[in-house]
PDB file of N, CA and C in Angstrom:
ATOM      1  N   UNK A   1      -2.633  -5.844  17.901  1.00  0.00           N
ATOM      2  CA  UNK A   1      -2.761  -4.400  17.933  1.00  0.00           C
ATOM      3  C   UNK A   1      -2.163  -3.808  16.656  1.00  0.00           C
ATOM      4  N   UNK A   2      -2.848  -2.896  16.057  1.00  0.00           N
ATOM      5  CA  UNK A   2      -2.405  -2.257  14.820  1.00  0.00           C
ATOM      6  C   UNK A   2      -1.326  -1.236  15.123  1.00  0.00           C
ATOM      7  N   UNK A   3      -0.188  -1.348  14.428  1.00  0.00           N
ATOM      8  CA  UNK A   3       0.912  -0.408  14.602  1.00  0.00           C
ATOM      9  C   UNK A   3       1.469  -0.035  13.235  1.00  0.00           C
ATOM     10  N   UNK A   4       1.070   1.102  12.680  1.00  0.00           N
ATOM     11  CA  UNK A   4       1.586   1.510  11.378  1.00  0.00           C
ATOM     12  C   UNK A   4       3.097   1.630  11.379  1.00  0.00           C
ATOM     13  N   UNK A   5       3.720   1.172  10.301  1.00  0.00           N
ATOM     14  CA  UNK A   5       5.159   1.296  10.171  1.00  0.00           C
ATOM     15  C   UNK A   5       5.946   0.360  11.061  1.00  0.00           C
ATOM     16  N   UNK A   6       5.283  -0.546  11.740  1.00  0.00           N
ATOM     17  CA  UNK A   6       5.939  -1.447  12.683  1.00  0.00           C
ATOM     18  C   UNK A   6       6.966  -2.348  12.004  1.00  0.00           C
ATOM     19  N   UNK A   7       6.779  -2.643  10.741  1.00  0.00           N
ATOM     20  CA  UNK A   7       7.609  -3.636  10.066  1.00  0.00           C
ATOM     21  C   UNK A   7       8.740  -3.040   9.251  1.00  0.00           C
ATOM     22  N   UNK A   8       9.154  -1.857   9.569  1.00  0.00           N
ATOM     23  CA  UNK A   8      10.290  -1.267   8.874  1.00  0.00           C
ATOM     24  C   UNK A   8       9.999   0.144   8.427  1.00  0.00           C
ATOM     25  N   UNK A   9      11.034   0.911   8.322  1.00  0.00           N
ATOM     26  CA  UNK A   9      10.923   2.320   7.956  1.00  0.00           C
ATOM     27  C   UNK A   9      10.246   2.482   6.598  1.00  0.00           C
ATOM     28  N   UNK A  10       9.138   3.198   6.579  1.00  0.00           N
ATOM     29  CA  UNK A  10       8.457   3.484   5.332  1.00  0.00           C
ATOM     30  C   UNK A  10       7.599   2.346   4.796  1.00  0.00           C
ATOM     31  N   UNK A  11       7.785   1.149   5.324  1.00  0.00           N
ATOM     32  CA  UNK A  11       7.059   0.012   4.762  1.00  0.00           C
ATOM     33  C   UNK A  11       5.568   0.107   5.034  1.00  0.00           C
ATOM     34  N   UNK A  12       5.185   0.760   6.095  1.00  0.00           N
ATOM     35  CA  UNK A  12       3.773   0.852   6.426  1.00  0.00           C
ATOM     36  C   UNK A  12       2.957   1.541   5.365  1.00  0.00           C
ATOM     37  N   UNK A  13       3.446   2.667   4.920  1.00  0.00           N
ATOM     38  CA  UNK A  13       2.706   3.434   3.919  1.00  0.00           C
ATOM     39  C   UNK A  13       2.524   2.610   2.653  1.00  0.00           C
ATOM     40  N   UNK A  14       3.567   1.937   2.213  1.00  0.00           N
ATOM     41  CA  UNK A  14       3.492   1.097   1.019  1.00  0.00           C
ATOM     42  C   UNK A  14       2.542  -0.060   1.273  1.00  0.00           C
ATOM     43  N   UNK A  15       2.587  -0.612   2.470  1.00  0.00           N
ATOM     44  CA  UNK A  15       1.685  -1.713   2.814  1.00  0.00           C
ATOM     45  C   UNK A  15       0.234  -1.301   2.641  1.00  0.00           C
ATOM     46  N   UNK A  16      -0.122  -0.153   3.156  1.00  0.00           N
ATOM     47  CA  UNK A  16      -1.499   0.322   3.040  1.00  0.00           C
ATOM     48  C   UNK A  16      -1.891   0.474   1.570  1.00  0.00           C
ATOM     49  N   UNK A  17      -0.998   1.017   0.775  1.00  0.00           N
ATOM     50  CA  UNK A  17      -1.279   1.211  -0.653  1.00  0.00           C
ATOM     51  C   UNK A  17      -1.448  -0.122  -1.371  1.00  0.00           C
ATOM     52  N   UNK A  18      -0.552  -1.058  -1.103  1.00  0.00           N
ATOM     53  CA  UNK A  18      -0.631  -2.362  -1.761  1.00  0.00           C
ATOM     54  C   UNK A  18      -1.904  -3.101  -1.365  1.00  0.00           C
ATOM     55  N   UNK A  19      -2.254  -3.055  -0.095  1.00  0.00           N
ATOM     56  CA  UNK A  19      -3.488  -3.703   0.344  1.00  0.00           C
ATOM     57  C   UNK A  19      -4.706  -3.095  -0.349  1.00  0.00           C
ATOM     58  N   UNK A  20      -4.701  -1.790  -0.470  1.00  0.00           N
ATOM     59  CA  UNK A  20      -5.813  -1.102  -1.136  1.00  0.00           C
ATOM     60  C   UNK A  20      -5.920  -1.536  -2.596  1.00  0.00           C
ATOM     61  N   UNK A  21      -4.792  -1.580  -3.280  1.00  0.00           N
ATOM     62  CA  UNK A  21      -4.787  -1.999  -4.684  1.00  0.00           C
ATOM     63  C   UNK A  21      -5.213  -3.460  -4.835  1.00  0.00           C
ATOM     64  N   UNK A  22      -4.763  -4.304  -3.908  1.00  0.00           N
ATOM     65  CA  UNK A  22      -5.118  -5.722  -3.991  1.00  0.00           C
ATOM     66  C   UNK A  22      -6.568  -5.978  -3.601  1.00  0.00           C
ATOM     67  N   UNK A  23      -7.154  -5.104  -2.819  1.00  0.00           N
ATOM     68  CA  UNK A  23      -8.583  -5.237  -2.527  1.00  0.00           C
ATOM     69  C   UNK A  23      -9.390  -5.009  -3.802  1.00  0.00           C
ATOM     70  N   UNK A  24      -8.889  -4.126  -4.639  1.00  0.00           N
ATOM     71  CA  UNK A  24      -9.559  -3.825  -5.902  1.00  0.00           C
ATOM     72  C   UNK A  24      -9.484  -5.009  -6.866  1.00  0.00           C
ATOM     73  N   UNK A  25      -8.284  -5.616  -6.970  1.00  0.00           N
ATOM     74  CA  UNK A  25      -8.131  -6.791  -7.834  1.00  0.00           C
ATOM     75  C   UNK A  25      -6.799  -7.484  -7.569  1.00  0.00           C
ATOM     76  N   UNK A  26      -6.754  -8.779  -7.869  1.00  0.00           N
ATOM     77  CA  UNK A  26      -5.512  -9.543  -7.773  1.00  0.00           C
ATOM     78  C   UNK A  26      -4.524  -8.935  -8.752  1.00  0.00           C
ATOM     79  N   UNK A  27      -3.241  -9.034  -8.405  1.00  0.00           N
ATOM     80  CA  UNK A  27      -2.250  -8.419  -9.288  1.00  0.00           C
ATOM     81  C   UNK A  27      -0.881  -9.009  -9.021  1.00  0.00           C
ATOM     82  N   UNK A  28       0.088  -8.634  -9.832  1.00  0.00           N
ATOM     83  CA  UNK A  28       1.472  -9.050  -9.658  1.00  0.00           C
ATOM     84  C   UNK A  28       2.328  -7.809  -9.426  1.00  0.00           C
ATOM     85  N   UNK A  29       3.562  -8.024  -9.001  1.00  0.00           N
ATOM     86  CA  UNK A  29       4.426  -6.936  -8.549  1.00  0.00           C
ATOM     87  C   UNK A  29       4.596  -5.775  -9.502  1.00  0.00           C
ATOM     88  N   UNK A  30       4.969  -6.042 -10.745  1.00  0.00           N
ATOM     89  CA  UNK A  30       5.198  -4.939 -11.686  1.00  0.00           C
ATOM     90  C   UNK A  30       3.919  -4.172 -11.970  1.00  0.00           C
ATOM     91  N   UNK A  31       2.806  -4.874 -12.035  1.00  0.00           N
ATOM     92  CA  UNK A  31       1.521  -4.205 -12.251  1.00  0.00           C
ATOM     93  C   UNK A  31       1.182  -3.311 -11.059  1.00  0.00           C
ATOM     94  N   UNK A  32       1.446  -3.799  -9.850  1.00  0.00           N
ATOM     95  CA  UNK A  32       1.199  -2.993  -8.648  1.00  0.00           C
ATOM     96  C   UNK A  32       2.057  -1.735  -8.656  1.00  0.00           C
ATOM     97  N   UNK A  33       3.308  -1.878  -9.106  1.00  0.00           N
ATOM     98  CA  UNK A  33       4.188  -0.714  -9.168  1.00  0.00           C
ATOM     99  C   UNK A  33       3.596   0.338 -10.109  1.00  0.00           C
ATOM    100  N   UNK A  34       3.065  -0.098 -11.236  1.00  0.00           N
ATOM    101  CA  UNK A  34       2.449   0.833 -12.180  1.00  0.00           C
ATOM    102  C   UNK A  34       1.179   1.465 -11.601  1.00  0.00           C
ATOM    103  N   UNK A  35       0.418   0.689 -10.852  1.00  0.00           N
ATOM    104  CA  UNK A  35      -0.849   1.175 -10.298  1.00  0.00           C
ATOM    105  C   UNK A  35      -0.652   2.155  -9.143  1.00  0.00           C
ATOM    106  N   UNK A  36       0.539   2.172  -8.550  1.00  0.00           N
ATOM    107  CA  UNK A  36       0.789   3.099  -7.448  1.00  0.00           C
ATOM    108  C   UNK A  36       0.602   4.551  -7.876  1.00  0.00           C
ATOM    109  N   UNK A  37       0.751   4.841  -9.171  1.00  0.00           N
ATOM    110  CA  UNK A  37       0.561   6.223  -9.622  1.00  0.00           C
ATOM    111  C   UNK A  37      -0.883   6.680  -9.442  1.00  0.00           C
ATOM    112  N   UNK A  38      -1.835   5.755  -9.370  1.00  0.00           N
ATOM    113  CA  UNK A  38      -3.228   6.148  -9.114  1.00  0.00           C
ATOM    114  C   UNK A  38      -3.403   6.652  -7.684  1.00  0.00           C
ATOM    115  N   UNK A  39      -2.421   6.361  -6.837  1.00  0.00           N
ATOM    116  CA  UNK A  39      -2.467   6.816  -5.441  1.00  0.00           C
ATOM    117  C   UNK A  39      -1.520   7.987  -5.201  1.00  0.00           C
ATOM    118  N   UNK A  40      -1.015   8.560  -6.290  1.00  0.00           N
ATOM    119  CA  UNK A  40      -0.201   9.758  -6.159  1.00  0.00           C
ATOM    120  C   UNK A  40       1.297   9.555  -6.254  1.00  0.00           C
ATOM    121  N   UNK A  41       1.757   8.355  -6.494  1.00  0.00           N
ATOM    122  CA  UNK A  41       3.188   8.079  -6.585  1.00  0.00           C
ATOM    123  C   UNK A  41       3.676   8.245  -8.021  1.00  0.00           C
ATOM    124  N   UNK A  42       3.652   9.467  -8.533  1.00  0.00           N
ATOM    125  CA  UNK A  42       4.058   9.687  -9.913  1.00  0.00           C
ATOM    126  C   UNK A  42       5.429  10.336 -10.035  1.00  0.00           C
ATOM    127  N   UNK A  43       5.878  11.035  -9.014  1.00  0.00           N
ATOM    128  CA  UNK A  43       7.144  11.764  -9.107  1.00  0.00           C
ATOM    129  C   UNK A  43       8.341  10.818  -9.182  1.00  0.00           C
ATOM    130  N   UNK A  44       8.385   9.835  -8.314  1.00  0.00           N
ATOM    131  CA  UNK A  44       9.514   8.909  -8.276  1.00  0.00           C
ATOM    132  C   UNK A  44       8.988   7.484  -8.311  1.00  0.00           C
ATOM    133  N   UNK A  45       9.309   6.742  -9.359  1.00  0.00           N
ATOM    134  CA  UNK A  45       8.887   5.350  -9.378  1.00  0.00           C
ATOM    135  C   UNK A  45       9.646   4.554  -8.313  1.00  0.00           C
ATOM    136  N   UNK A  46       8.983   3.577  -7.759  1.00  0.00           N
ATOM    137  CA  UNK A  46       9.606   2.720  -6.754  1.00  0.00           C
ATOM    138  C   UNK A  46      10.529   1.720  -7.422  1.00  0.00           C
ATOM    139  N   UNK A  47      11.566   1.354  -6.722  1.00  0.00           N
ATOM    140  CA  UNK A  47      12.375   0.232  -7.143  1.00  0.00           C
ATOM    141  C   UNK A  47      11.513  -1.006  -6.907  1.00  0.00           C
ATOM    142  N   UNK A  48      11.431  -1.880  -7.876  1.00  0.00           N
ATOM    143  CA  UNK A  48      10.566  -3.053  -7.774  1.00  0.00           C
ATOM    144  C   UNK A  48      10.905  -3.902  -6.558  1.00  0.00           C
ATOM    145  N   UNK A  49      12.172  -3.867  -6.111  1.00  0.00           N
ATOM    146  CA  UNK A  49      12.550  -4.663  -4.940  1.00  0.00           C
ATOM    147  C   UNK A  49      11.801  -4.204  -3.693  1.00  0.00           C
ATOM    148  N   UNK A  50      11.466  -2.915  -3.605  1.00  0.00           N
ATOM    149  CA  UNK A  50      10.696  -2.403  -2.467  1.00  0.00           C
ATOM    150  C   UNK A  50       9.302  -3.029  -2.466  1.00  0.00           C
ATOM    151  N   UNK A  51       8.706  -3.124  -3.643  1.00  0.00           N
ATOM    152  CA  UNK A  51       7.375  -3.727  -3.766  1.00  0.00           C
ATOM    153  C   UNK A  51       7.424  -5.191  -3.351  1.00  0.00           C
ATOM    154  N   UNK A  52       8.369  -5.935  -3.914  1.00  0.00           N
ATOM    155  CA  UNK A  52       8.438  -7.373  -3.618  1.00  0.00           C
ATOM    156  C   UNK A  52       8.822  -7.654  -2.171  1.00  0.00           C
ATOM    157  N   UNK A  53       9.686  -6.840  -1.581  1.00  0.00           N
ATOM    158  CA  UNK A  53      10.022  -7.016  -0.159  1.00  0.00           C
ATOM    159  C   UNK A  53       8.775  -6.867   0.697  1.00  0.00           C
ATOM    160  N   UNK A  54       7.978  -5.844   0.382  1.00  0.00           N
ATOM    161  CA  UNK A  54       6.748  -5.621   1.140  1.00  0.00           C
ATOM    162  C   UNK A  54       5.748  -6.742   0.915  1.00  0.00           C
ATOM    163  N   UNK A  55       5.613  -7.201  -0.314  1.00  0.00           N
ATOM    164  CA  UNK A  55       4.695  -8.308  -0.598  1.00  0.00           C
ATOM    165  C   UNK A  55       5.106  -9.573   0.148  1.00  0.00           C
ATOM    166  N   UNK A  56       6.405  -9.875   0.179  1.00  0.00           N
ATOM    167  CA  UNK A  56       6.878 -11.063   0.913  1.00  0.00           C
ATOM    168  C   UNK A  56       6.597 -10.928   2.410  1.00  0.00           C
ATOM    169  N   UNK A  57       6.852  -9.749   2.949  1.00  0.00           N
ATOM    170  CA  UNK A  57       6.582  -9.515   4.364  1.00  0.00           C
ATOM    171  C   UNK A  57       5.091  -9.659   4.664  1.00  0.00           C
ATOM    172  N   UNK A  58       4.271  -9.106   3.785  1.00  0.00           N
ATOM    173  CA  UNK A  58       2.826  -9.194   3.978  1.00  0.00           C
ATOM    174  C   UNK A  58       2.342 -10.631   3.846  1.00  0.00           C
ATOM    175  N   UNK A  59       2.977 -11.394   2.976  1.00  0.00           N
ATOM    176  CA  UNK A  59       2.589 -12.803   2.822  1.00  0.00           C
ATOM    177  C   UNK A  59       2.967 -13.600   4.070  1.00  0.00           C
ATOM    178  N   UNK A  60       4.136 -13.331   4.640  1.00  0.00           N
ATOM    179  CA  UNK A  60       4.551 -14.014   5.878  1.00  0.00           C
ATOM    180  C   UNK A  60       3.565 -13.745   7.008  1.00  0.00           C
ATOM    181  N   UNK A  61       2.998 -12.550   7.014  1.00  0.00           N
ATOM    182  CA  UNK A  61       2.031 -12.183   8.058  1.00  0.00           C
ATOM    183  C   UNK A  61       0.601 -12.517   7.659  1.00  0.00           C
ATOM    184  N   UNK A  62       0.451 -13.180   6.534  1.00  0.00           N
ATOM    185  CA  UNK A  62      -0.834 -13.666   6.017  1.00  0.00           C
ATOM    186  C   UNK A  62      -1.817 -12.544   5.666  1.00  0.00           C
ATOM    187  N   UNK A  63      -1.279 -11.397   5.267  1.00  0.00           N
ATOM    188  CA  UNK A  63      -2.131 -10.295   4.815  1.00  0.00           C
ATOM    189  C   UNK A  63      -2.469 -10.468   3.339  1.00  0.00           C
ATOM    190  N   UNK A  64      -1.574 -11.143   2.621  1.00  0.00           N
ATOM    191  CA  UNK A  64      -1.792 -11.470   1.217  1.00  0.00           C
ATOM    192  C   UNK A  64      -1.399 -12.927   0.996  1.00  0.00           C
ATOM    193  N   UNK A  65      -1.921 -13.482  -0.084  1.00  0.00           N
ATOM    194  CA  UNK A  65      -1.543 -14.826  -0.519  1.00  0.00           C
ATOM    195  C   UNK A  65      -1.090 -14.716  -1.966  1.00  0.00           C
ATOM    196  N   UNK A  66      -0.259 -15.660  -2.399  1.00  0.00           N
ATOM    197  CA  UNK A  66       0.215 -15.605  -3.782  1.00  0.00           C
ATOM    198  C   UNK A  66       0.036 -16.962  -4.446  1.00  0.00           C
ATOM    199  N   UNK A  67      -0.002 -16.918  -5.767  1.00  0.00           N
ATOM    200  CA  UNK A  67      -0.081 -18.129  -6.582  1.00  0.00           C
ATOM    201  C   UNK A  67       0.518 -17.817  -7.943  1.00  0.00           C
ATOM    202  N   UNK A  68       0.969 -18.836  -8.630  1.00  0.00           N
ATOM    203  CA  UNK A  68       1.568 -18.663  -9.950  1.00  0.00           C
ATOM    204  C   UNK A  68       0.504 -18.776 -11.023  1.00  0.00           C
ATOM    205  N   UNK A  69       0.637 -17.948 -12.047  1.00  0.00           N
ATOM    206  CA  UNK A  69      -0.284 -17.989 -13.178  1.00  0.00           C
ATOM    207  C   UNK A  69       0.513 -17.922 -14.480  1.00  0.00           C
ATOM    208  N   UNK A  70       0.026 -18.625 -15.487  1.00  0.00           N
ATOM    209  CA  UNK A  70       0.701 -18.629 -16.787  1.00  0.00           C
ATOM    210  C   UNK A  70       0.550 -17.262 -17.445  1.00  0.00           C
ATOM    211  N   UNK A  71       1.600 -16.848 -18.120  1.00  0.00           N
ATOM    212  CA  UNK A  71       1.595 -15.579 -18.821  1.00  0.00           C
ATOM    213  C   UNK A  71       1.490 -15.837 -20.321  1.00  0.00           C
ATOM    214  N   UNK A  72       0.768 -14.950 -21.013  1.00  0.00           N
ATOM    215  CA  UNK A  72       0.661 -15.088 -22.466  1.00  0.00           C
ATOM    216  C   UNK A  72       2.022 -14.912 -23.125  1.00  0.00           C
ATOM    217  N   UNK A  73       2.799 -13.975 -22.581  1.00  0.00           N
ATOM    218  CA  UNK A  73       4.156 -13.735 -23.077  1.00  0.00           C
ATOM    219  C   UNK A  73       5.100 -13.764 -21.893  1.00  0.00           C
ATOM    220  N   UNK A  74       6.208 -14.441 -22.066  1.00  0.00           N
ATOM    221  CA  UNK A  74       7.217 -14.453 -21.025  1.00  0.00           C
ATOM    222  C   UNK A  74       6.948 -15.486 -19.955  1.00  0.00           C
ATOM    223  N   UNK A  75       7.693 -15.363 -18.851  1.00  0.00           N
ATOM    224  CA  UNK A  75       7.586 -16.358 -17.771  1.00  0.00           C
ATOM    225  C   UNK A  75       6.274 -16.227 -16.996  1.00  0.00           C
ATOM    226  N   UNK A  76       5.979 -17.294 -16.238  1.00  0.00           N
ATOM    227  CA  UNK A  76       4.800 -17.254 -15.368  1.00  0.00           C
ATOM    228  C   UNK A  76       4.923 -16.080 -14.395  1.00  0.00           C
ATOM    229  N   UNK A  77       3.770 -15.615 -13.908  1.00  0.00           N
ATOM    230  CA  UNK A  77       3.758 -14.479 -12.975  1.00  0.00           C
ATOM    231  C   UNK A  77       3.212 -14.917 -11.632  1.00  0.00           C
ATOM    232  N   UNK A  78       3.799 -14.345 -10.602  1.00  0.00           N
ATOM    233  CA  UNK A  78       3.310 -14.597  -9.250  1.00  0.00           C
ATOM    234  C   UNK A  78       2.245 -13.551  -8.943  1.00  0.00           C
ATOM    235  N   UNK A  79       1.024 -14.009  -8.800  1.00  0.00           N
ATOM    236  CA  UNK A  79      -0.103 -13.126  -8.524  1.00  0.00           C
ATOM    237  C   UNK A  79      -0.319 -13.046  -7.017  1.00  0.00           C
ATOM    238  N   UNK A  80      -0.760 -11.889  -6.571  1.00  0.00           N
ATOM    239  CA  UNK A  80      -1.046 -11.665  -5.154  1.00  0.00           C
ATOM    240  C   UNK A  80      -2.501 -11.280  -4.999  1.00  0.00           C
ATOM    241  N   UNK A  81      -3.085 -11.727  -3.875  1.00  0.00           N
ATOM    242  CA  UNK A  81      -4.453 -11.343  -3.537  1.00  0.00           C
ATOM    243  C   UNK A  81      -4.527 -11.075  -2.044  1.00  0.00           C
ATOM    244  N   UNK A  82      -5.436 -10.199  -1.683  1.00  0.00           N
ATOM    245  CA  UNK A  82      -5.616  -9.848  -0.276  1.00  0.00           C
ATOM    246  C   UNK A  82      -6.365 -10.981   0.432  1.00  0.00           C
ATOM    247  N   UNK A  83      -6.029 -11.230   1.682  1.00  0.00           N
ATOM    248  CA  UNK A  83      -6.708 -12.239   2.499  1.00  0.00           C
ATOM    249  C   UNK A  83      -7.702 -11.547   3.437  1.00  0.00           C
ATOM    250  N   UNK A  84      -8.456 -12.339   4.180  1.00  0.00           N
ATOM    251  CA  UNK A  84      -9.368 -11.743   5.173  1.00  0.00           C
ATOM    252  C   UNK A  84      -8.580 -10.963   6.214  1.00  0.00           C
ATOM    253  N   UNK A  85      -7.446 -11.512   6.631  1.00  0.00           N
ATOM    254  CA  UNK A  85      -6.601 -10.806   7.599  1.00  0.00           C
ATOM    255  C   UNK A  85      -6.085  -9.503   6.991  1.00  0.00           C
ATOM    256  N   UNK A  86      -5.777  -9.522   5.700  1.00  0.00           N
ATOM    257  CA  UNK A  86      -5.331  -8.321   5.009  1.00  0.00           C
ATOM    258  C   UNK A  86      -6.431  -7.281   4.924  1.00  0.00           C
ATOM    259  N   UNK A  87      -7.657  -7.734   4.713  1.00  0.00           N
ATOM    260  CA  UNK A  87      -8.783  -6.792   4.667  1.00  0.00           C
ATOM    261  C   UNK A  87      -9.000  -6.130   6.015  1.00  0.00           C
ATOM    262  N   UNK A  88      -8.820  -6.886   7.093  1.00  0.00           N
ATOM    263  CA  UNK A  88      -8.927  -6.304   8.437  1.00  0.00           C
ATOM    264  C   UNK A  88      -7.815  -5.276   8.653  1.00  0.00           C
ATOM    265  N   UNK A  89      -6.603  -5.618   8.218  1.00  0.00           N
ATOM    266  CA  UNK A  89      -5.475  -4.687   8.355  1.00  0.00           C
ATOM    267  C   UNK A  89      -5.729  -3.422   7.539  1.00  0.00           C
ATOM    268  N   UNK A  90      -6.299  -3.573   6.352  1.00  0.00           N
ATOM    269  CA  UNK A  90      -6.602  -2.406   5.520  1.00  0.00           C
ATOM    270  C   UNK A  90      -7.621  -1.500   6.211  1.00  0.00           C
ATOM    271  N   UNK A  91      -8.628  -2.076   6.833  1.00  0.00           N
ATOM    272  CA  UNK A  91      -9.610  -1.265   7.572  1.00  0.00           C
ATOM    273  C   UNK A  91      -8.933  -0.484   8.683  1.00  0.00           C
ATOM    274  N   UNK A  92      -7.992  -1.106   9.376  1.00  0.00           N
ATOM    275  CA  UNK A  92      -7.238  -0.411  10.425  1.00  0.00           C
ATOM    276  C   UNK A  92      -6.396   0.707   9.830  1.00  0.00           C
ATOM    277  N   UNK A  93      -5.776   0.442   8.694  1.00  0.00           N
ATOM    278  CA  UNK A  93      -5.006   1.472   8.015  1.00  0.00           C
ATOM    279  C   UNK A  93      -5.879   2.670   7.667  1.00  0.00           C
ATOM    280  N   UNK A  94      -7.058   2.404   7.150  1.00  0.00           N
ATOM    281  CA  UNK A  94      -7.953   3.493   6.753  1.00  0.00           C
ATOM    282  C   UNK A  94      -8.359   4.309   7.975  1.00  0.00           C
ATOM    283  N   UNK A  95      -8.651   3.652   9.092  1.00  0.00           N
ATOM    284  CA  UNK A  95      -8.962   4.385  10.334  1.00  0.00           C
ATOM    285  C   UNK A  95      -7.790   5.273  10.733  1.00  0.00           C
ATOM    286  N   UNK A  96      -6.596   4.710  10.707  1.00  0.00           N
ATOM    287  CA  UNK A  96      -5.393   5.458  11.063  1.00  0.00           C
ATOM    288  C   UNK A  96      -5.195   6.645  10.123  1.00  0.00           C
ATOM    289  N   UNK A  97      -5.335   6.414   8.822  1.00  0.00           N
ATOM    290  CA  UNK A  97      -5.111   7.480   7.841  1.00  0.00           C
ATOM    291  C   UNK A  97      -6.149   8.589   7.955  1.00  0.00           C
ATOM    292  N   UNK A  98      -7.380   8.245   8.284  1.00  0.00           N
ATOM    293  CA  UNK A  98      -8.413   9.267   8.472  1.00  0.00           C
ATOM    294  C   UNK A  98      -8.075  10.159   9.667  1.00  0.00           C
ATOM    295  N   UNK A  99      -7.580   9.547  10.742  1.00  0.00           N
ATOM    296  CA  UNK A  99      -7.157  10.349  11.900  1.00  0.00           C
ATOM    297  C   UNK A  99      -5.986  11.255  11.525  1.00  0.00           C
ATOM    298  N   UNK A 100      -5.034  10.695  10.801  1.00  0.00           N
ATOM    299  CA  UNK A 100      -3.865  11.475  10.381  1.00  0.00           C
ATOM    300  C   UNK A 100      -4.286  12.598   9.444  1.00  0.00           C
ATOM    301  N   UNK A 101      -5.244  12.320   8.574  1.00  0.00           N
ATOM    302  CA  UNK A 101      -5.749  13.325   7.635  1.00  0.00           C
ATOM    303  C   UNK A 101      -6.356  14.502   8.390  1.00  0.00           C
ATOM    304  N   UNK A 102      -7.117  14.220   9.443  1.00  0.00           N
ATOM    305  CA  UNK A 102      -7.720  15.293  10.241  1.00  0.00           C
ATOM    306  C   UNK A 102      -6.647  16.154  10.889  1.00  0.00           C
ATOM    307  N   UNK A 103      -5.617  15.503  11.399  1.00  0.00           N
ATOM    308  CA  UNK A 103      -4.511  16.224  12.036  1.00  0.00           C
ATOM    309  C   UNK A 103      -3.808  17.129  11.028  1.00  0.00           C
ATOM    310  N   UNK A 104      -3.503  16.575   9.867  1.00  0.00           N
ATOM    311  CA  UNK A 104      -2.826  17.357   8.832  1.00  0.00           C
ATOM    312  C   UNK A 104      -3.695  18.512   8.347  1.00  0.00           C
ATOM    313  N   UNK A 105      -4.988  18.256   8.204  1.00  0.00           N
ATOM    314  CA  UNK A 105      -5.896  19.311   7.750  1.00  0.00           C
ATOM    315  C   UNK A 105      -5.974  20.433   8.773  1.00  0.00           C
ATOM    316  N   UNK A 106      -5.928  20.090  10.059  1.00  0.00           N
ATOM    317  CA  UNK A 106      -5.954  21.117  11.104  1.00  0.00           C
ATOM    318  C   UNK A 106      -4.743  22.038  10.996  1.00  0.00           C
ATOM    319  N   UNK A 107      -3.580  21.484  10.697  1.00  0.00           N
ATOM    320  CA  UNK A 107      -2.370  22.297  10.542  1.00  0.00           C
ATOM    321  C   UNK A 107      -2.508  23.205   9.317  1.00  0.00           C
ATOM    322  N   UNK A 108      -2.973  22.652   8.210  1.00  0.00           N
ATOM    323  CA  UNK A 108      -3.160  23.443   6.990  1.00  0.00           C
ATOM    324  C   UNK A 108      -4.177  24.552   7.226  1.00  0.00           C
ATOM    325  N   UNK A 109      -5.285  24.231   7.863  1.00  0.00           N
ATOM    326  CA  UNK A 109      -6.317  25.231   8.156  1.00  0.00           C
ATOM    327  C   UNK A 109      -5.768  26.350   9.041  1.00  0.00           C
ATOM    328  N   UNK A 110      -5.008  25.976  10.042  1.00  0.00           N
ATOM    329  CA  UNK A 110      -4.424  26.976  10.940  1.00  0.00           C
ATOM    330  C   UNK A 110      -3.499  27.903  10.159  1.00  0.00           C
ATOM    331  N   UNK A 111      -2.674  27.334   9.335  1.00  0.00           N
ATOM    332  CA  UNK A 111      -1.750  28.137   8.530  1.00  0.00           C
ATOM    333  C   UNK A 111      -2.524  29.074   7.619  1.00  0.00           C
ATOM    334  N   UNK A 112      -3.512  28.556   6.926  1.00  0.00           N
ATOM    335  CA  UNK A 112      -4.281  29.378   5.995  1.00  0.00           C
ATOM    336  C   UNK A 112      -5.086  30.442   6.697  1.00  0.00           C
ATOM    337  N   UNK A 113      -5.468  30.200   7.936  1.00  0.00           N
ATOM    338  CA  UNK A 113      -6.239  31.204   8.689  1.00  0.00           C
ATOM    339  C   UNK A 113      -5.383  32.392   9.099  1.00  0.00           C
ATOM    340  N   UNK A 114      -4.065  32.239   9.051  1.00  0.00           N
ATOM    341  CA  UNK A 114      -3.169  33.319   9.403  1.00  0.00           C
ATOM    342  C   UNK A 114      -2.920  34.258   8.219  1.00  0.00           C
ATOM    343  N   UNK A 115      -3.435  33.930   7.060  1.00  0.00           N
ATOM    344  CA  UNK A 115      -3.293  34.729   5.848  1.00  0.00           C
ATOM    345  C   UNK A 115      -1.845  35.030   5.508  1.00  0.00           C
ATOM    346  N   UNK A 116      -1.013  34.055   5.692  1.00  0.00           N
ATOM    347  CA  UNK A 116       0.408  34.213   5.348  1.00  0.00           C
ATOM    348  C   UNK A 116       0.607  33.844   3.890  1.00  0.00           C
ATOM    349  N   UNK A 117       1.606  34.435   3.286  1.00  0.00           N
ATOM    350  CA  UNK A 117       1.922  34.106   1.896  1.00  0.00           C
ATOM    351  C   UNK A 117       3.193  33.309   1.820  1.00  0.00           C
TER     352      UNK A 117
END
């Protein structure tokens, strides 16, 4: 059963974002942190430990898989990719977020219909 946020406070939202980014392409932790700004996370950068904690948790649950790849400069990088189970979880996340979006939009619409400033 899909339960957003089940794996720790705030981790759910990051999980959905990471799965979405990994569906687009394989990536490594620091690159994922940079790509989060495409999803609106520009005000406060995440501590990289938050990203890696979530990736490890997702790997334990088989939502993502990782492998090492040689780097042109510096040490090897641990790359992450979404699994079939991760793609199913992402679809559930999108269903959940669409429902939440409708709820939030209803509140905004109600407020705006009152013509308050």
